Amino acid sequence: MIEGELTELQVKVIAALADGQPHTLVQLAKQLKRPVPALQATATWLTHHGYLKRVNTYKLDEQGQQVAATLQGEGGTP
């Protein structure tokens, strides 16, 4: 990857969040057919670089396990 270019997965995550509504990583994993850890790493990078906004840091399932951060697209590049 050339520095400054987004990967295919990063572009797909940004596109999936283009509606501006909050999504969980689990929702994105199902939608994009990718494993949650890959999306978590991608979302962390995109959030750190200003492409995404973290809306709710932790979401727990019924057993109290952290499932996902809720992420929302910013609607453009930083």
Protein backbone atom coordinates (compact mmCIF):
# COMPACT_ATOMS: atom_id res chain seq x y z
CA MET A 1 0.00 0.00 0.00
CA ILE A 2 1.29 3.44 -0.87
CA GLU A 3 1.42 5.73 2.13
CA GLY A 4 -1.59 8.03 2.13
CA GLU A 5 -3.83 5.60 0.24
CA LEU A 6 -6.67 3.74 1.91
CA THR A 7 -6.93 -0.05 1.71
CA GLU A 8 -9.92 -1.74 0.11
CA LEU A 9 -11.28 -2.68 3.55
CA GLN A 10 -10.91 0.89 4.83
CA VAL A 11 -12.85 2.19 1.83
CA LYS A 12 -15.58 -0.44 2.36
CA VAL A 13 -15.93 0.51 6.04
CA ILE A 14 -16.20 4.21 5.18
CA ALA A 15 -18.77 3.44 2.48
CA ALA A 16 -20.81 1.25 4.85
CA LEU A 17 -20.95 4.15 7.32
CA ALA A 18 -21.83 6.78 4.71
CA ASP A 19 -25.44 6.94 5.91
CA GLY A 20 -24.22 8.76 9.03
CA GLN A 21 -26.02 6.36 11.37
CA PRO A 22 -24.20 4.54 14.19
CA HIS A 23 -23.16 0.95 13.42
CA THR A 24 -21.53 -1.67 15.61
CA LEU A 25 -18.54 -3.70 14.48
CA VAL A 26 -20.71 -6.82 14.62
CA GLN A 27 -23.17 -5.22 12.18
CA LEU A 28 -20.32 -4.22 9.89
CA ALA A 29 -18.78 -7.70 10.10
CA LYS A 30 -22.05 -9.25 8.92
CA GLN A 31 -22.57 -6.63 6.22
CA LEU A 32 -19.02 -6.78 4.85
CA LYS A 33 -18.51 -10.50 5.56
CA ARG A 34 -15.26 -9.83 7.42
CA PRO A 35 -14.09 -10.96 10.89
CA VAL A 36 -14.71 -8.54 13.77
CA PRO A 37 -10.98 -8.31 14.75
CA ALA A 38 -10.06 -7.12 11.23
CA LEU A 39 -12.82 -4.53 11.33
CA GLN A 40 -11.86 -3.49 14.84
CA ALA A 41 -8.28 -2.80 13.76
CA THR A 42 -9.47 -0.98 10.65
CA ALA A 43 -12.01 1.08 12.59
CA THR A 44 -9.39 2.00 15.19
CA TRP A 45 -7.04 3.24 12.47
CA LEU A 46 -9.82 5.16 10.70
CA THR A 47 -10.94 6.74 13.99
CA HIS A 48 -7.38 7.71 14.91
CA HIS A 49 -6.90 9.37 11.52
CA GLY A 50 -10.21 11.25 11.64
CA TYR A 51 -12.25 9.26 9.13
CA LEU A 52 -14.66 7.90 11.76
CA LYS A 53 -16.15 9.14 14.98
CA ARG A 54 -16.44 6.83 17.97
CA VAL A 55 -19.96 7.36 19.31
CA ASN A 56 -20.08 4.86 22.14
CA THR A 57 -16.82 3.32 23.29
CA TYR A 58 -18.14 0.03 24.66
CA LYS A 59 -21.14 -2.16 23.92
CA LEU A 60 -21.71 -5.26 26.02
CA ASP A 61 -23.62 -8.40 25.13
CA GLU A 62 -25.89 -10.35 27.47
CA GLN A 63 -22.89 -12.04 29.14
CA GLY A 64 -21.19 -8.70 29.79
CA GLN A 65 -18.53 -9.22 27.13
CA GLN A 66 -17.41 -6.24 25.10
CA VAL A 67 -18.88 -6.73 21.66
CA ALA A 68 -18.02 -3.62 19.74
CA ALA A 69 -17.54 0.07 19.67
CA THR A 70 -20.28 1.96 17.89
CA LEU A 71 -18.86 3.95 15.01
CA GLN A 72 -20.28 6.64 12.81
CA GLY A 73 -19.01 7.99 9.54
CA GLU A 74 -17.99 11.61 9.39
CA GLY A 75 -19.18 12.06 5.82
CA GLY A 76 -15.89 12.90 4.14
CA THR A 77 -12.16 12.93 4.49
CA PRO A 78 -10.45 14.73 7.36
